[in-house]
N, C-alpha and C. Protein backbone atom coordinates (compact mmCIF):
# COMPACT_ATOMS: atom_id res chain seq x y z
N UNK A 1 45.92 70.22 177.54
CA UNK A 1 46.14 69.93 176.59
C UNK A 1 47.09 69.21 176.84
N UNK A 2 48.90 68.86 176.09
CA UNK A 2 49.32 68.87 175.70
C UNK A 2 49.56 67.60 173.69
N UNK A 3 50.31 68.24 172.77
CA UNK A 3 50.67 67.58 172.11
C UNK A 3 49.79 67.24 170.58
N UNK A 4 47.77 67.79 170.99
CA UNK A 4 47.70 67.71 170.35
C UNK A 4 46.89 67.26 168.94
N UNK A 5 46.96 67.24 168.34
CA UNK A 5 47.34 66.90 166.96
C UNK A 5 47.13 68.62 166.22
N UNK A 6 48.36 69.14 165.42
CA UNK A 6 48.38 69.78 164.70
C UNK A 6 46.70 70.17 164.06
N UNK A 7 45.88 71.64 164.22
CA UNK A 7 44.47 72.10 164.22
C UNK A 7 43.83 72.05 164.99
N UNK A 8 44.14 71.08 165.88
CA UNK A 8 42.88 71.35 167.32
C UNK A 8 43.43 71.79 168.34
N UNK A 9 41.81 71.83 168.95
CA UNK A 9 42.75 73.17 170.67
C UNK A 9 41.45 72.39 171.03
N UNK A 10 41.40 72.51 172.95
CA UNK A 10 40.71 72.09 173.95
C UNK A 10 39.92 72.98 173.96
N UNK A 11 38.95 73.79 174.34
CA UNK A 11 38.40 74.99 175.44
C UNK A 11 38.51 74.65 176.85
N UNK A 12 38.78 75.63 177.95
CA UNK A 12 39.43 75.54 178.56
C UNK A 12 38.49 75.22 180.05
N UNK A 13 36.93 75.82 178.96
CA UNK A 13 36.12 75.93 180.33
C UNK A 13 35.21 74.34 180.29
N UNK A 14 35.47 73.95 178.74
CA UNK A 14 33.96 72.75 178.99
C UNK A 14 34.76 71.17 178.79
N UNK A 15 36.84 71.43 178.50
CA UNK A 15 37.53 70.37 178.14
C UNK A 15 36.64 69.95 176.54
N UNK A 16 36.47 69.81 175.75
CA UNK A 16 36.19 69.50 174.74
C UNK A 16 36.82 70.23 173.22
N UNK A 17 37.39 69.22 172.40
CA UNK A 17 38.61 69.50 171.34
C UNK A 17 37.61 69.04 170.30
N UNK A 18 37.69 70.20 169.99
CA UNK A 18 38.12 70.53 167.90
C UNK A 18 38.22 70.93 167.88
N UNK A 19 37.98 70.81 165.83
CA UNK A 19 38.86 71.85 165.34
C UNK A 19 39.04 70.54 163.55
N UNK A 20 40.28 70.87 163.23
CA UNK A 20 40.47 69.81 162.17
C UNK A 20 42.00 69.95 161.43
N UNK A 21 41.57 67.89 162.05
CA UNK A 21 43.12 68.75 161.86
C UNK A 21 43.86 68.36 160.63
N UNK A 22 45.11 68.97 160.47
CA UNK A 22 46.40 69.64 159.28
C UNK A 22 47.51 68.43 158.44
N UNK A 23 47.85 67.42 159.78
CA UNK A 23 49.02 67.33 159.74
C UNK A 23 48.53 65.58 159.95
N UNK A 24 48.63 64.46 158.44
CA UNK A 24 48.45 63.25 159.18
C UNK A 24 50.27 63.27 160.08
N UNK A 25 49.27 61.58 160.57
CA UNK A 25 50.76 61.26 162.26
C UNK A 25 49.60 60.79 163.63
N UNK A 26 50.32 60.58 163.81
CA UNK A 26 49.93 59.19 165.58
C UNK A 26 50.04 60.29 166.36
N UNK A 27 48.84 61.01 167.01
CA UNK A 27 49.80 61.09 168.52
C UNK A 27 49.49 60.90 169.02
N UNK A 28 50.20 61.28 170.85
CA UNK A 28 49.06 60.97 172.30
C UNK A 28 49.61 62.33 173.70
N UNK A 29 48.25 62.34 173.38
CA UNK A 29 47.45 63.56 173.79
C UNK A 29 47.51 63.66 175.35
N UNK A 30 47.65 64.40 175.75
CA UNK A 30 47.38 64.70 177.50
C UNK A 30 46.46 66.07 177.92
N UNK A 31 45.92 65.30 178.63
CA UNK A 31 45.09 65.98 179.01
C UNK A 31 44.76 65.89 180.60
N UNK A 32 44.70 67.84 180.79
CA UNK A 32 44.72 68.03 182.44
C UNK A 32 43.70 69.05 182.64
N UNK A 33 42.87 68.79 184.02
CA UNK A 33 41.25 69.08 184.48
C UNK A 33 42.46 69.65 185.66
N UNK A 34 42.31 70.98 187.06
CA UNK A 34 42.70 71.71 187.31
C UNK A 34 41.58 72.10 188.36
N UNK A 35 40.89 71.73 188.99
CA UNK A 35 40.25 72.53 190.08
C UNK A 35 40.22 73.84 190.88
N UNK A 36 39.28 74.14 191.38
CA UNK A 36 38.98 75.39 192.31
C UNK A 36 40.10 75.60 193.61
N UNK A 37 40.15 73.86 193.72
CA UNK A 37 41.87 74.02 194.64
C UNK A 37 43.14 74.37 194.49
N UNK A 38 42.94 74.04 193.50
CA UNK A 38 43.83 74.09 192.45
C UNK A 38 44.80 72.50 191.80
N UNK A 39 43.64 71.19 192.46
CA UNK A 39 44.86 70.08 192.73
C UNK A 39 43.59 69.36 190.91
N UNK A 40 44.55 68.58 190.30
CA UNK A 40 44.80 67.95 189.53
C UNK A 40 44.98 66.53 188.74
N UNK A 41 43.64 66.14 187.92
CA UNK A 41 43.98 65.28 187.32
C UNK A 41 44.70 65.47 185.62
N UNK A 42 44.84 64.09 185.52
CA UNK A 42 45.19 64.02 183.76
C UNK A 42 44.60 62.99 183.61
N UNK A 43 44.54 62.72 181.94
CA UNK A 43 44.81 61.10 181.25
C UNK A 43 45.09 61.13 179.81
N UNK A 44 45.82 60.24 178.92
CA UNK A 44 46.10 60.47 177.66
C UNK A 44 45.08 60.06 176.55
N UNK A 45 44.95 60.76 175.52
CA UNK A 45 44.33 60.27 174.34
C UNK A 45 45.09 60.21 173.09
N UNK A 46 44.53 58.46 172.57
CA UNK A 46 45.38 57.68 171.64
C UNK A 46 45.19 58.67 170.21
N UNK A 47 45.50 59.38 169.15
CA UNK A 47 45.47 59.96 168.21
C UNK A 47 45.98 59.24 167.13
N UNK A 48 44.82 58.64 165.51
CA UNK A 48 45.83 58.23 164.81
C UNK A 48 44.44 59.43 163.12
N UNK A 49 46.21 60.11 162.96
CA UNK A 49 45.22 60.67 162.31
C UNK A 49 45.66 59.90 160.87
N UNK A 50 44.25 60.12 160.33
CA UNK A 50 45.43 59.54 158.93
C UNK A 50 44.89 60.98 157.57
N UNK A 51 45.44 60.02 156.53
CA UNK A 51 45.10 61.21 155.04
C UNK A 51 45.82 60.94 153.67
N UNK A 52 45.44 61.40 153.04
CA UNK A 52 45.15 61.03 151.57
C UNK A 52 46.86 61.06 151.22
N UNK A 53 47.42 59.61 150.29
CA UNK A 53 48.48 60.35 149.79
C UNK A 53 49.07 60.76 148.47
N UNK A 54 49.88 61.47 148.42
CA UNK A 54 50.24 61.86 147.56
C UNK A 54 51.41 61.36 146.56
N UNK A 55 52.03 60.99 146.00
CA UNK A 55 52.78 60.06 145.27
C UNK A 55 53.87 60.67 143.99
N UNK A 56 54.71 61.29 144.15
CA UNK A 56 55.25 61.86 142.70
C UNK A 56 56.81 60.97 142.27
N UNK A 57 56.25 60.94 141.47
CA UNK A 57 57.30 60.21 140.02
C UNK A 57 59.13 60.51 140.13
N UNK A 58 59.65 59.74 140.19
CA UNK A 58 61.01 61.00 140.24
C UNK A 58 60.90 61.19 138.62
N UNK A 59 61.62 61.98 138.30
CA UNK A 59 62.45 62.01 137.43
C UNK A 59 63.17 60.91 137.21
N UNK A 60 64.56 60.85 135.68
CA UNK A 60 65.91 60.62 135.32
C UNK A 60 66.33 61.55 135.60
N UNK A 61 67.54 61.84 135.68
CA UNK A 61 69.10 63.02 136.46
C UNK A 61 68.85 63.90 134.66
N UNK A 62 68.85 64.79 135.66
CA UNK A 62 68.94 65.32 134.18
C UNK A 62 69.89 66.65 133.15
N UNK A 63 70.37 67.06 132.44
CA UNK A 63 71.29 67.17 132.33
C UNK A 63 71.05 68.89 131.74
N UNK A 64 71.67 69.57 132.19
CA UNK A 64 71.38 70.71 130.71
C UNK A 64 73.30 72.44 130.14
N UNK A 65 72.95 72.22 129.84
CA UNK A 65 73.50 73.60 128.63
C UNK A 65 73.92 75.21 129.32
N UNK A 66 74.65 75.53 130.12
CA UNK A 66 74.84 77.69 130.08
C UNK A 66 73.92 78.06 129.28
N UNK A 67 73.38 78.61 129.25
CA UNK A 67 73.07 79.34 127.63
C UNK A 67 71.60 78.87 126.72
N UNK A 68 71.65 77.55 126.95
CA UNK A 68 70.73 76.34 126.42
C UNK A 68 69.30 76.99 126.81
N UNK A 69 68.32 76.33 126.30
CA UNK A 69 66.98 76.70 126.68
C UNK A 69 66.36 74.60 127.35
N UNK A 70 66.49 74.35 128.21
CA UNK A 70 66.34 72.85 128.67
C UNK A 70 65.02 72.91 127.62
N UNK A 71 65.13 71.48 127.09
CA UNK A 71 62.84 70.86 126.84
C UNK A 71 62.37 70.99 127.93
N UNK A 72 61.54 71.32 128.16
CA UNK A 72 60.63 71.51 129.78
C UNK A 72 60.43 69.93 130.09
N UNK A 73 60.44 69.77 131.65
CA UNK A 73 60.52 68.68 131.60
C UNK A 73 58.85 68.27 133.12
N UNK A 74 58.03 68.18 132.47
CA UNK A 74 56.64 67.48 133.83
C UNK A 74 57.27 66.93 134.50
N UNK A 75 57.09 67.10 135.33
CA UNK A 75 56.86 65.94 137.27
C UNK A 75 55.52 66.34 137.69
N UNK A 76 54.81 64.20 137.62
CA UNK A 76 54.33 63.58 137.61
C UNK A 76 53.81 62.94 139.33
N UNK A 77 52.47 63.69 139.24
CA UNK A 77 52.52 63.02 140.86
C UNK A 77 50.61 62.65 140.65
N UNK A 78 49.96 61.56 141.66
CA UNK A 78 49.08 61.36 141.92
C UNK A 78 48.93 61.72 143.73
N UNK A 79 47.12 61.80 144.33
CA UNK A 79 46.95 61.95 145.13
C UNK A 79 46.03 60.53 145.14
N UNK A 80 44.97 60.13 146.74
CA UNK A 80 44.04 59.10 146.91
C UNK A 80 42.73 60.49 147.03
N UNK A 81 43.40 61.32 147.80
CA UNK A 81 41.91 61.67 147.82
C UNK A 81 40.65 62.28 146.59
N UNK A 82 40.01 62.93 146.80
CA UNK A 82 38.41 62.60 145.94
C UNK A 82 39.09 63.95 144.60
N UNK A 83 39.57 65.08 144.95
CA UNK A 83 40.36 66.76 144.30
C UNK A 83 41.97 66.20 143.89
N UNK A 84 41.68 65.53 142.97
CA UNK A 84 42.81 65.21 142.71
C UNK A 84 44.27 66.21 141.44
N UNK A 85 44.39 67.59 142.16
CA UNK A 85 44.61 68.97 141.30
C UNK A 85 45.67 69.03 142.62
N UNK A 86 46.72 69.55 141.83
CA UNK A 86 47.93 69.55 142.95
C UNK A 86 48.49 70.55 142.73
N UNK A 87 49.64 71.56 143.60
CA UNK A 87 50.17 72.47 143.84
C UNK A 87 50.95 71.67 143.87
N UNK A 88 52.28 72.76 143.16
CA UNK A 88 54.19 72.13 142.27
C UNK A 88 54.55 73.95 142.76
N UNK A 89 55.33 73.15 143.69
CA UNK A 89 56.62 73.78 144.06
C UNK A 89 58.37 73.36 144.30
N UNK A 90 59.28 74.41 144.14
CA UNK A 90 60.55 73.65 143.83
C UNK A 90 61.01 73.93 144.61
N UNK A 91 62.75 73.26 145.10
CA UNK A 91 63.64 74.18 145.62
C UNK A 91 64.82 73.43 146.33
N UNK A 92 66.19 74.61 145.14
CA UNK A 92 66.94 74.18 144.76
C UNK A 92 67.37 73.70 143.47
N UNK A 93 66.76 74.17 142.61
CA UNK A 93 66.25 74.30 141.22
C UNK A 93 68.01 74.88 140.46
N UNK A 94 68.68 74.46 139.99
CA UNK A 94 69.37 75.17 139.06
C UNK A 94 68.61 76.58 137.92
N UNK A 95 69.89 77.60 138.92
CA UNK A 95 69.55 78.68 137.73
C UNK A 95 69.36 78.45 137.31
N UNK A 96 68.35 79.72 137.15
CA UNK A 96 67.31 80.67 135.37
C UNK A 96 66.40 79.53 135.12
N UNK A 97 66.74 77.85 135.70
CA UNK A 97 64.83 77.11 135.67
C UNK A 97 63.94 77.80 136.78
N UNK A 98 62.72 77.56 136.03
CA UNK A 98 61.27 77.46 137.66
C UNK A 98 60.29 76.39 137.95
N UNK A 99 59.27 76.03 138.12
CA UNK A 99 58.55 74.92 137.77
C UNK A 99 56.93 76.05 138.28
N UNK A 100 56.85 75.68 137.11
CA UNK A 100 55.26 76.21 137.11
C UNK A 100 53.60 75.13 137.99
N UNK A 101 53.56 75.77 139.20
CA UNK A 101 52.49 75.84 140.26
C UNK A 101 51.57 74.80 139.61
N UNK A 102 50.82 75.26 138.76
CA UNK A 102 49.88 74.69 138.46
C UNK A 102 50.03 73.11 137.55
N UNK A 103 51.19 72.37 137.17
CA UNK A 103 51.20 72.21 135.68
C UNK A 103 52.52 71.01 136.25
N UNK A 104 54.03 71.35 137.39
CA UNK A 104 54.39 71.21 137.52
C UNK A 104 55.70 70.12 136.56
N UNK A 105 55.39 71.37 135.98
CA UNK A 105 56.55 72.03 134.68
C UNK A 105 57.57 72.61 135.20
N UNK A 106 59.06 72.28 134.89
CA UNK A 106 59.53 72.95 134.57
C UNK A 106 60.32 73.74 133.61
N UNK A 107 60.79 74.45 133.41
CA UNK A 107 61.18 74.85 132.40
C UNK A 107 62.66 76.26 132.61
N UNK A 108 62.85 76.67 131.54
CA UNK A 108 64.17 77.76 131.56
C UNK A 108 65.47 77.29 131.19
N UNK A 109 66.52 78.89 130.60
CA UNK A 109 67.43 78.39 130.26
C UNK A 109 68.26 78.60 131.34
N UNK A 110 69.17 77.29 131.73
CA UNK A 110 70.41 77.74 132.61
C UNK A 110 70.99 78.96 133.37
N UNK A 111 72.15 78.95 134.21
CA UNK A 111 72.68 80.30 133.58
C UNK A 111 73.52 80.61 133.99
N UNK A 112 74.19 78.78 135.36
CA UNK A 112 75.67 79.11 135.85
C UNK A 112 75.68 77.80 135.81
N UNK A 113 76.54 77.49 135.78
CA UNK A 113 77.40 75.92 135.29
C UNK A 113 77.81 75.07 137.05
N UNK A 114 76.89 74.18 137.92
CA UNK A 114 77.31 72.91 138.27
C UNK A 114 75.89 72.16 138.79
N UNK A 115 76.17 71.53 139.81
CA UNK A 115 76.08 70.50 139.73
C UNK A 115 74.29 70.38 140.76
N UNK A 116 73.30 70.30 141.64
CA UNK A 116 72.33 70.12 141.71
C UNK A 116 71.46 69.16 141.85
N UNK A 117 70.97 68.33 143.34
CA UNK A 117 69.72 68.01 143.68
C UNK A 117 68.52 69.28 144.30
N UNK A 118 68.08 69.05 143.39
CA UNK A 118 66.34 69.33 143.72
C UNK A 118 65.09 68.79 144.25
N UNK A 119 64.27 69.46 144.69
CA UNK A 119 63.67 68.29 145.25
C UNK A 119 62.43 69.37 145.32
N UNK A 120 61.10 68.43 144.53
CA UNK A 120 59.66 68.83 143.73
C UNK A 120 58.80 68.68 144.97
N UNK A 121 57.37 69.16 145.25
CA UNK A 121 56.62 69.31 145.96
C UNK A 121 55.73 69.59 145.31
N UNK A 122 54.86 68.83 145.68
CA UNK A 122 52.85 68.21 145.22
C UNK A 122 52.28 67.76 146.46
N UNK A 123 50.84 69.18 146.49
CA UNK A 123 50.77 69.78 147.55
C UNK A 123 49.11 69.51 147.06
N UNK A 124 48.24 68.09 148.31
CA UNK A 124 46.97 68.18 147.65
C UNK A 124 46.30 69.34 148.07
N UNK A 125 44.36 69.35 148.22
CA UNK A 125 43.88 70.43 148.35
C UNK A 125 43.52 70.40 150.10
N UNK A 126 43.61 68.88 150.23
CA UNK A 126 43.99 68.79 151.70
C UNK A 126 45.03 69.38 152.05
N UNK A 127 45.93 69.53 152.08
CA UNK A 127 48.01 69.81 152.64
C UNK A 127 48.67 68.73 152.42
N UNK A 128 48.12 67.67 152.13
CA UNK A 128 49.07 66.49 152.22
C UNK A 128 49.87 66.41 150.56
N UNK A 129 51.62 66.20 151.13
CA UNK A 129 52.44 67.03 149.94
C UNK A 129 52.68 65.53 150.18
N UNK A 130 53.51 65.37 149.22
CA UNK A 130 54.43 63.80 148.62
C UNK A 130 55.52 64.92 147.72
N UNK A 131 56.91 64.20 148.51
CA UNK A 131 58.02 64.87 147.75
C UNK A 131 58.87 63.59 146.32
N UNK A 132 60.32 64.49 145.82
CA UNK A 132 60.70 63.30 144.85
C UNK A 132 62.37 64.09 145.15
N UNK A 133 63.05 63.60 144.01
CA UNK A 133 64.13 64.49 144.53
C UNK A 133 64.16 64.12 142.16
N UNK A 134 64.81 65.20 142.10
CA UNK A 134 65.93 65.66 140.76
C UNK A 134 67.51 65.58 140.75
N UNK A 135 68.16 64.87 139.75
CA UNK A 135 70.13 65.23 140.64
C UNK A 135 69.69 65.89 138.68
N UNK A 136 70.83 66.53 138.98
CA UNK A 136 71.03 68.15 137.42
C UNK A 136 72.71 68.02 137.55
N UNK A 137 73.37 67.92 136.24
CA UNK A 137 74.49 68.25 135.25
C UNK A 137 74.66 69.43 134.54
N UNK A 138 74.52 70.89 135.69
CA UNK A 138 74.44 71.65 133.97
C UNK A 138 76.12 71.92 133.93
N UNK A 139 76.20 71.47 132.72
CA UNK A 139 77.70 71.92 132.37
C UNK A 139 77.34 74.02 130.68
N UNK A 140 78.64 73.51 131.01
CA UNK A 140 78.98 75.17 130.47
C UNK A 140 80.04 74.99 129.30
N UNK A 141 80.07 76.43 128.62
CA UNK A 141 81.23 75.56 127.65
C UNK A 141 82.30 76.07 128.80
N UNK A 142 84.25 75.55 127.66
CA UNK A 142 84.72 76.29 128.23
C UNK A 142 85.28 77.78 128.25
N UNK A 143 85.46 78.40 128.73
CA UNK A 143 86.70 79.47 128.21
C UNK A 143 87.50 79.81 128.48
N UNK A 144 88.61 79.86 127.15
CA UNK A 144 90.40 79.98 128.05
C UNK A 144 91.07 81.18 127.42
N UNK A 145 91.75 82.23 128.74
CA UNK A 145 92.40 83.09 127.82
C UNK A 145 93.79 82.69 127.93
N UNK A 146 94.76 82.76 127.16
CA UNK A 146 96.14 82.82 127.08
C UNK A 146 96.77 84.54 128.33
N UNK A 147 97.94 83.75 128.97
CA UNK A 147 98.39 84.19 129.53
C UNK A 147 99.62 85.63 129.08
N UNK A 148 98.99 86.90 128.63
CA UNK A 148 100.69 87.61 128.51
C UNK A 148 101.44 87.51 129.18
N UNK A 149 103.21 87.92 128.71
CA UNK A 149 104.32 88.30 129.53
C UNK A 149 103.26 89.75 129.74
N UNK A 150 105.09 89.14 130.58
CA UNK A 150 104.72 90.80 131.38
C UNK A 150 104.95 91.70 130.45
N UNK A 151 104.75 92.72 130.53
CA UNK A 151 104.92 93.93 130.48
C UNK A 151 105.41 96.02 130.91
N UNK A 152 105.94 96.16 130.28
CA UNK A 152 106.50 97.29 130.93
C UNK A 152 106.58 98.73 130.14
N UNK A 153 106.29 99.56 130.75
CA UNK A 153 105.96 100.24 130.88
C UNK A 153 106.54 102.36 130.91
N UNK A 154 107.18 102.28 130.09
CA UNK A 154 106.67 104.22 131.03
C UNK A 154 106.16 105.07 130.18
N UNK A 155 105.86 105.68 132.55
CA UNK A 155 104.55 107.22 132.30
C UNK A 155 104.77 107.90 130.74
N UNK A 156 103.82 107.75 130.92
CA UNK A 156 103.74 109.14 129.61
C UNK A 156 103.57 109.04 128.33
N UNK A 157 103.85 107.63 128.27
CA UNK A 157 104.76 107.58 126.82
C UNK A 157 103.64 106.14 126.57
N UNK A 158 102.90 106.38 125.48
CA UNK A 158 101.85 105.16 124.64
C UNK A 158 102.31 103.63 124.55
N UNK A 159 101.48 103.34 124.41
CA UNK A 159 102.14 101.31 124.63
C UNK A 159 102.08 101.39 123.39
N UNK A 160 103.32 99.91 122.68
CA UNK A 160 102.56 99.48 121.21
C UNK A 160 101.05 98.70 122.10
N UNK A 161 100.04 98.51 121.14
CA UNK A 161 98.47 97.26 121.96
C UNK A 161 99.42 96.89 122.74
N UNK A 162 98.51 95.56 122.91
CA UNK A 162 98.35 94.51 123.15
C UNK A 162 97.41 93.54 123.24
N UNK A 163 97.33 92.30 122.33
CA UNK A 163 95.70 91.77 122.37
C UNK A 163 95.78 90.50 122.74
N UNK A 164 95.14 91.25 124.07
CA UNK A 164 94.87 89.52 124.58
C UNK A 164 94.22 88.68 124.07
N UNK A 165 94.18 87.24 123.86
CA UNK A 165 94.01 86.21 122.78
C UNK A 165 93.16 85.55 123.89
N UNK A 166 91.39 84.68 123.78
CA UNK A 166 91.31 83.60 123.91
C UNK A 166 90.36 82.94 123.25
N UNK A 167 89.97 81.58 123.75
CA UNK A 167 89.07 81.08 123.24
C UNK A 167 87.96 80.38 123.40
N UNK A 168 86.70 80.08 122.95
CA UNK A 168 85.24 79.35 123.85
C UNK A 168 85.17 78.20 122.60
N UNK A 169 84.59 76.94 123.18
CA UNK A 169 84.42 75.93 123.07
C UNK A 169 82.68 75.89 122.65
N UNK A 170 81.80 76.90 122.81
CA UNK A 170 81.38 77.22 122.56
C UNK A 170 80.82 77.59 120.77
N UNK A 171 79.62 77.62 120.25
CA UNK A 171 79.16 77.07 119.13
C UNK A 171 79.97 78.54 118.78
N UNK A 172 78.84 79.94 119.36
CA UNK A 172 79.91 81.47 118.84
C UNK A 172 80.94 81.06 119.37
N UNK A 173 81.38 81.87 118.95
CA UNK A 173 83.19 82.20 119.37
C UNK A 173 83.16 84.02 120.00
N UNK A 174 82.86 84.73 119.73
CA UNK A 174 82.64 86.30 120.23
C UNK A 174 83.07 86.12 121.88
N UNK A 175 83.21 86.35 121.68
CA UNK A 175 83.99 87.41 123.05
C UNK A 175 84.05 88.66 123.51
N UNK A 176 83.24 88.54 125.03
CA UNK A 176 83.75 90.65 125.76
C UNK A 176 84.54 90.19 126.66
N UNK A 177 85.31 92.11 126.77
CA UNK A 177 86.69 91.37 127.44
C UNK A 177 86.31 92.13 128.24
N UNK A 178 86.84 91.80 129.51
CA UNK A 178 87.29 93.33 130.05
C UNK A 178 88.83 93.67 131.50
N UNK A 179 89.17 94.21 131.77
CA UNK A 179 90.25 94.01 133.26
C UNK A 179 89.62 94.65 134.35
N UNK A 180 90.83 94.57 135.24
CA UNK A 180 90.82 95.00 136.12
C UNK A 180 92.54 95.58 136.37
N UNK A 181 92.77 96.51 137.53
CA UNK A 181 93.90 97.20 138.29
C UNK A 181 94.86 96.68 137.36
N UNK A 182 94.81 97.63 135.57
CA UNK A 182 95.70 97.89 134.59
C UNK A 182 95.94 99.46 135.26
N UNK A 183 97.42 100.24 134.80
CA UNK A 183 97.94 101.30 135.07
C UNK A 183 96.38 102.11 134.73
N UNK A 184 96.02 103.23 135.20
CA UNK A 184 95.88 104.51 135.43
C UNK A 184 96.41 104.84 133.77
N UNK A 185 94.64 105.94 132.71
CA UNK A 185 96.03 105.41 131.94
C UNK A 185 95.43 104.39 130.76
N UNK A 186 95.32 103.38 131.04
CA UNK A 186 95.26 102.24 129.66
C UNK A 186 94.25 101.71 129.82
N UNK A 187 93.34 101.42 128.60
CA UNK A 187 92.21 100.24 128.51
C UNK A 187 92.14 100.08 127.59
N UNK A 188 91.13 98.25 127.84
CA UNK A 188 91.38 97.96 127.25
C UNK A 188 89.59 97.72 126.42
N UNK A 189 89.83 97.11 124.95
CA UNK A 189 88.41 97.21 123.64
C UNK A 189 87.70 95.48 124.59
N UNK A 190 86.50 96.30 124.33
CA UNK A 190 85.29 95.57 125.15
C UNK A 190 85.35 93.93 124.21
N UNK A 191 85.57 94.15 122.50
CA UNK A 191 84.94 93.73 122.03
C UNK A 191 86.54 93.23 120.77
N UNK A 192 87.65 93.51 121.19
CA UNK A 192 89.07 92.69 121.16
C UNK A 192 89.47 92.45 121.98
N UNK A 193 89.51 92.87 122.76
CA UNK A 193 90.54 92.34 123.67
C UNK A 193 92.52 92.97 123.67
N UNK A 194 91.54 93.96 122.89
CA UNK A 194 93.10 94.95 123.18
C UNK A 194 93.40 95.80 124.11
N UNK A 195 94.75 96.11 124.62
CA UNK A 195 94.21 97.17 126.60
C UNK A 195 95.56 98.08 124.98
N UNK A 196 95.50 99.08 125.33
CA UNK A 196 96.39 100.16 124.65
C UNK A 196 95.23 102.03 125.01
N UNK A 197 96.06 102.61 124.96
CA UNK A 197 96.26 104.11 125.75
C UNK A 197 97.82 104.29 126.52
N UNK A 198 97.43 104.93 127.52
CA UNK A 198 99.93 105.80 127.86
C UNK A 198 99.51 105.75 129.21
N UNK A 199 99.86 105.04 130.11
CA UNK A 199 100.36 105.36 130.91
C UNK A 199 100.61 106.26 131.82
N UNK A 200 100.02 107.63 132.84
CA UNK A 200 100.03 108.44 132.98
C UNK A 200 101.47 108.74 134.25
N UNK A 201 101.64 110.07 133.97
CA UNK A 201 102.77 110.36 134.41
C UNK A 201 102.35 110.38 135.55
N UNK A 202 101.38 110.60 136.58
CA UNK A 202 101.41 110.39 137.61
C UNK A 202 101.71 109.21 138.19
N UNK A 203 101.19 108.38 137.52
CA UNK A 203 101.38 106.47 138.46
C UNK A 203 102.22 106.59 139.58
N UNK A 204 102.79 105.69 139.93
CA UNK A 204 103.59 105.63 141.02
C UNK A 204 103.37 104.29 139.71
N UNK A 205 105.37 104.43 140.21
CA UNK A 205 105.96 103.41 139.35
C UNK A 205 106.05 101.65 140.41
N UNK A 206 106.40 101.11 139.58
CA UNK A 206 106.96 99.72 140.38
C UNK A 206 105.59 98.66 139.45
N UNK A 207 105.51 97.45 140.00
CA UNK A 207 104.19 96.58 139.31
C UNK A 207 103.55 96.36 139.47
N UNK A 208 102.41 96.06 138.84
CA UNK A 208 100.51 95.50 139.05
C UNK A 208 100.12 94.37 138.45
N UNK A 209 99.68 93.17 139.51
CA UNK A 209 98.91 92.29 138.89
C UNK A 209 97.20 92.96 137.78
N UNK A 210 97.27 92.59 136.41
CA UNK A 210 96.72 92.73 135.60
C UNK A 210 95.38 91.70 135.35
N UNK A 211 94.43 91.94 135.70
CA UNK A 211 93.70 90.07 135.66
C UNK A 211 92.08 91.04 134.52
N UNK A 212 92.41 90.31 133.69
CA UNK A 212 92.17 90.02 132.19
C UNK A 212 91.07 88.99 132.12
N UNK A 213 90.22 89.22 131.30
CA UNK A 213 88.22 88.12 131.64
C UNK A 213 87.45 88.20 130.35
N UNK A 214 87.63 87.12 129.77
CA UNK A 214 87.01 87.30 128.45
C UNK A 214 85.21 86.10 128.67
N UNK A 215 84.26 86.21 128.70
CA UNK A 215 82.52 86.42 128.82
C UNK A 215 81.64 86.19 126.85
N UNK A 216 81.76 84.75 127.21
CA UNK A 216 81.65 84.12 126.00
C UNK A 216 79.16 84.72 125.40
N UNK A 217 79.36 84.16 125.14
CA UNK A 217 77.96 84.41 124.23
C UNK A 217 76.92 83.55 125.23
N UNK A 218 77.47 83.00 126.53
CA UNK A 218 76.14 82.33 127.51
C UNK A 218 76.74 81.87 128.17
N UNK A 219 78.09 83.21 128.81
CA UNK A 219 77.85 84.28 130.75
C UNK A 219 79.40 83.18 131.04
N UNK A 220 79.28 81.84 130.20
CA UNK A 220 80.25 81.70 130.95
C UNK A 220 82.39 82.23 130.47
N UNK A 221 82.76 82.35 132.00
CA UNK A 221 84.01 83.45 131.56
C UNK A 221 85.15 82.37 131.67
N UNK A 222 86.69 83.07 131.69
CA UNK A 222 87.91 82.72 131.40
C UNK A 222 88.73 83.92 131.88
N UNK A 223 89.63 83.39 132.61
CA UNK A 223 90.18 84.98 133.42
C UNK A 223 91.63 84.48 133.09
N UNK A 224 92.57 85.79 133.23
CA UNK A 224 94.13 85.40 133.17
C UNK A 224 94.33 86.03 134.22
N UNK A 225 96.16 86.59 135.05
CA UNK A 225 96.94 87.12 134.91
C UNK A 225 97.52 87.35 134.97
N UNK A 226 98.80 88.31 134.57
CA UNK A 226 99.52 89.34 134.55
C UNK A 226 100.32 90.19 135.24
N UNK A 227 101.99 90.29 134.73
CA UNK A 227 102.19 91.18 135.58
C UNK A 227 102.15 92.80 134.27
N UNK A 228 102.45 94.13 135.52
CA UNK A 228 102.28 94.87 134.17
C UNK A 228 103.66 95.75 134.72
N UNK A 229 104.51 95.74 134.29
CA UNK A 229 105.32 97.16 135.17
C UNK A 229 105.71 98.37 135.05
N UNK A 230 106.24 99.39 135.38
CA UNK A 230 105.66 100.66 134.94
C UNK A 230 106.85 102.12 135.78
N UNK A 231 107.67 102.57 134.69
CA UNK A 231 108.69 102.82 134.99
C UNK A 231 108.79 104.61 134.68
C-alpha cells in the first residue's frame, strides 16, 4: 500500500491494515494485490484522520535589554483532548532565553542585541501540535570609543602612555579594554585603556592598524582603529 496514514501499515500476507494514526490529515491510500503469476489489482481507500485541536495564544510583541533579565513570559494554550497537559518548545528564541517545557514560561537574560521571530509549539498527549510566533526586539547599550590620532614610536624607546577613552549608555559606566595588532612591546591596561611600553628593537619599521575594543558590563562592545607608525 502507498500513502497510508502515518502510523498504519498493511500485512503483506493478509491485507490487514492496522496501527495507530499519528498525524491529523486526509489521505488517499492505494492498495495493490499481486497473485502468484504476478498479476495485480488495485483499489483506493479514502481516510480522514481527525484529532484534538491545540491552540496557542499569541503573545504581544516583546522587548528586552542585553544584560537585564526579562520579566518571565507565560505562553498559554489549550487542547480539546481529555488530557489537558501540554509540552512546550520554542525555536529562534533570543540568545540567553529559554522556555520551560512543562509550563511554557520563557525566561532568562538576553545576551545579544537583535530582532527575533520565535516559534512556540505546544504538543498534547496525543502528539497534536499548535504553534504561534512572538516578535522580540532586544536592545542594548551603545559603547563608543574615541579614535586616537596616528601614533609614531621609535623602536627601543618607552612611549608616552596613550589613554584611549570611551563611553557607554549603560547605567554602569565601567569599561574593559583590549587591543589587537599593537606593535610588539606595547600593551593595553584592561581596566583603564592606557597603552604603554616600549616597541621592541626587533619590530619591523612601518605602519600597523591597531584595533581597540571596549566592553561594558552587559557585554556590549565598541571599537575603533588607528594607525601606529614604528621607526
